[in-house]
Amino acid sequence: MSSAGFREKRKLAQKAEILVKFETKERYNNIRQILKKDPSLRNEEELQLMANSQEIVQEIQRRVQRQELVKRRVEEVEKRIVAFVERLFTVLLISIFFIILYHAGTRSALCVKWKSDRTG
């Protein structure tokens, strides 16, 4: 009979843990929505919720900063790639001969030679 009591306690503990996780996630989502709002539009209840959950607010702000940093880096890499492709395109337009090397290693290299139709 003691094992049945133990199972009951364990099930209750698991349910309580699930409920706590759900409440934490709901609070996190609420605070995230509040932070998206303009600060002048926040009401007293929202400000109180944010004041009581400073750790969550700081975590959300850190994540937003990280996302913005990653976004800026991606834009920078995209700009570099576009600039490189434009330079490559202009070089290919003015060249008469060029060689393209594809390789996965030293033994499996493939070389493609191309001669343009125009004579320069």
Protein backbone atom coordinates (compact mmCIF):
# COMPACT_ATOMS: atom_id res chain seq x y z
CA MET A 1 0.00 0.00 0.00
CA SER A 2 2.95 2.32 0.57
CA SER A 3 3.98 2.01 -3.07
CA ALA A 4 0.55 3.28 -4.14
CA GLY A 5 1.01 6.29 -1.85
CA PHE A 6 4.43 6.90 -3.30
CA ARG A 7 3.03 6.81 -6.85
CA GLU A 8 0.30 9.26 -5.93
CA LYS A 9 2.84 11.66 -4.45
CA ARG A 10 5.06 11.35 -7.50
CA LYS A 11 2.14 12.04 -9.86
CA LEU A 12 1.13 15.08 -7.83
CA ALA A 13 4.71 16.34 -7.88
CA GLN A 14 4.88 15.89 -11.66
CA LYS A 15 1.59 17.75 -12.12
CA ALA A 16 2.84 20.57 -9.91
CA GLU A 17 6.07 20.75 -11.91
CA ILE A 18 4.15 20.91 -15.20
CA LEU A 19 1.92 23.66 -13.81
CA VAL A 20 4.95 25.69 -12.67
CA LYS A 21 6.59 25.34 -16.10
CA PHE A 22 3.37 26.43 -17.80
CA GLU A 23 3.01 29.47 -15.55
CA THR A 24 6.65 30.44 -16.07
CA LYS A 25 6.31 30.16 -19.84
CA GLU A 26 3.09 32.18 -19.78
CA ARG A 27 4.75 34.90 -17.68
CA TYR A 28 7.73 34.94 -20.06
CA ASN A 29 5.44 35.37 -23.08
CA ASN A 30 3.43 38.09 -21.35
CA ILE A 31 6.57 40.04 -20.47
CA ARG A 32 7.89 39.63 -24.00
CA GLN A 33 4.66 41.12 -25.37
CA ILE A 34 4.85 43.97 -22.85
CA LEU A 35 8.43 44.77 -23.89
CA LYS A 36 7.35 44.97 -27.53
CA LYS A 37 4.92 47.75 -26.61
CA ASP A 38 5.85 51.38 -26.52
CA PRO A 39 6.85 52.26 -22.91
CA SER A 40 4.28 55.06 -22.78
CA LEU A 41 1.45 52.58 -23.50
CA ARG A 42 2.21 50.23 -20.59
CA ASN A 43 -0.28 50.23 -17.74
CA GLU A 44 0.39 49.88 -14.00
CA GLU A 45 -0.32 46.15 -13.95
CA GLU A 46 2.21 45.51 -16.71
CA LEU A 47 4.82 47.68 -15.02
CA GLN A 48 4.27 45.80 -11.76
CA LEU A 49 4.65 42.45 -13.55
CA MET A 50 7.91 43.62 -15.09
CA ALA A 51 9.19 44.92 -11.76
CA ASN A 52 8.46 41.57 -10.09
CA SER A 53 10.20 39.61 -12.87
CA GLN A 54 13.48 41.45 -13.43
CA GLU A 55 15.40 38.25 -14.29
CA ILE A 56 13.00 37.42 -17.11
CA VAL A 57 13.09 41.01 -18.38
CA GLN A 58 16.89 40.97 -18.46
CA GLU A 59 16.96 37.59 -20.21
CA ILE A 60 14.54 38.80 -22.89
CA GLN A 61 16.55 41.99 -23.41
CA ARG A 62 19.78 39.97 -23.75
CA ARG A 63 18.14 37.72 -26.33
CA VAL A 64 16.85 40.70 -28.31
CA GLN A 65 20.33 42.27 -28.31
CA ARG A 66 21.88 38.99 -29.46
CA GLN A 67 19.31 38.64 -32.25
CA GLU A 68 20.01 42.19 -33.43
CA LEU A 69 23.76 41.50 -33.41
CA VAL A 70 23.31 38.32 -35.45
CA LYS A 71 21.02 40.18 -37.86
CA ARG A 72 23.64 42.91 -38.37
CA ARG A 73 26.37 40.31 -38.95
CA VAL A 74 24.24 38.50 -41.53
CA GLU A 75 23.58 41.79 -43.34
CA GLU A 76 27.30 42.55 -43.31
CA VAL A 77 28.16 39.15 -44.77
CA GLU A 78 25.46 39.57 -47.42
CA LYS A 79 26.95 42.94 -48.41
CA ARG A 80 30.41 41.38 -48.68
CA ILE A 81 29.09 38.55 -50.84
CA VAL A 82 27.27 40.96 -53.15
CA ALA A 83 30.40 43.09 -53.50
CA PHE A 84 32.50 40.02 -54.25
CA VAL A 85 30.05 38.75 -56.87
CA GLU A 86 29.93 42.17 -58.54
CA ARG A 87 33.73 42.31 -58.71
CA LEU A 88 33.88 38.76 -60.05
CA PHE A 89 31.27 39.59 -62.66
CA THR A 90 33.19 42.63 -63.90
CA VAL A 91 36.40 40.62 -64.07
CA LEU A 92 34.69 37.88 -66.05
CA LEU A 93 33.20 40.42 -68.45
CA ILE A 94 36.59 41.88 -69.37
CA SER A 95 38.56 38.63 -69.42
CA ILE A 96 39.33 36.55 -72.47
CA PHE A 97 40.45 33.36 -70.75
CA PHE A 98 39.69 32.10 -67.30
CA ILE A 99 39.95 28.84 -65.43
CA ILE A 100 37.49 27.60 -62.82
CA LEU A 101 38.82 25.13 -60.30
CA TYR A 102 36.46 22.92 -58.37
CA HIS A 103 38.04 20.73 -55.79
CA ALA A 104 37.15 18.63 -52.83
CA GLY A 105 40.76 17.67 -52.30
CA THR A 106 44.05 17.53 -54.15
CA ARG A 107 43.28 14.28 -55.97
CA SER A 108 39.71 15.05 -57.02
CA ALA A 109 40.26 18.53 -58.48
CA LEU A 110 38.37 19.42 -61.63
CA CYS A 111 39.58 22.16 -63.90
CA VAL A 112 37.32 23.90 -66.43
CA LYS A 113 38.94 26.14 -69.02
CA TRP A 114 36.84 28.63 -70.91
CA LYS A 115 37.63 30.96 -73.77
CA SER A 116 35.24 33.81 -74.41
CA ASP A 117 33.74 34.31 -77.85
CA ARG A 118 34.96 37.84 -78.08
CA THR A 119 38.53 38.69 -78.89
CA GLY A 120 40.01 41.36 -76.76
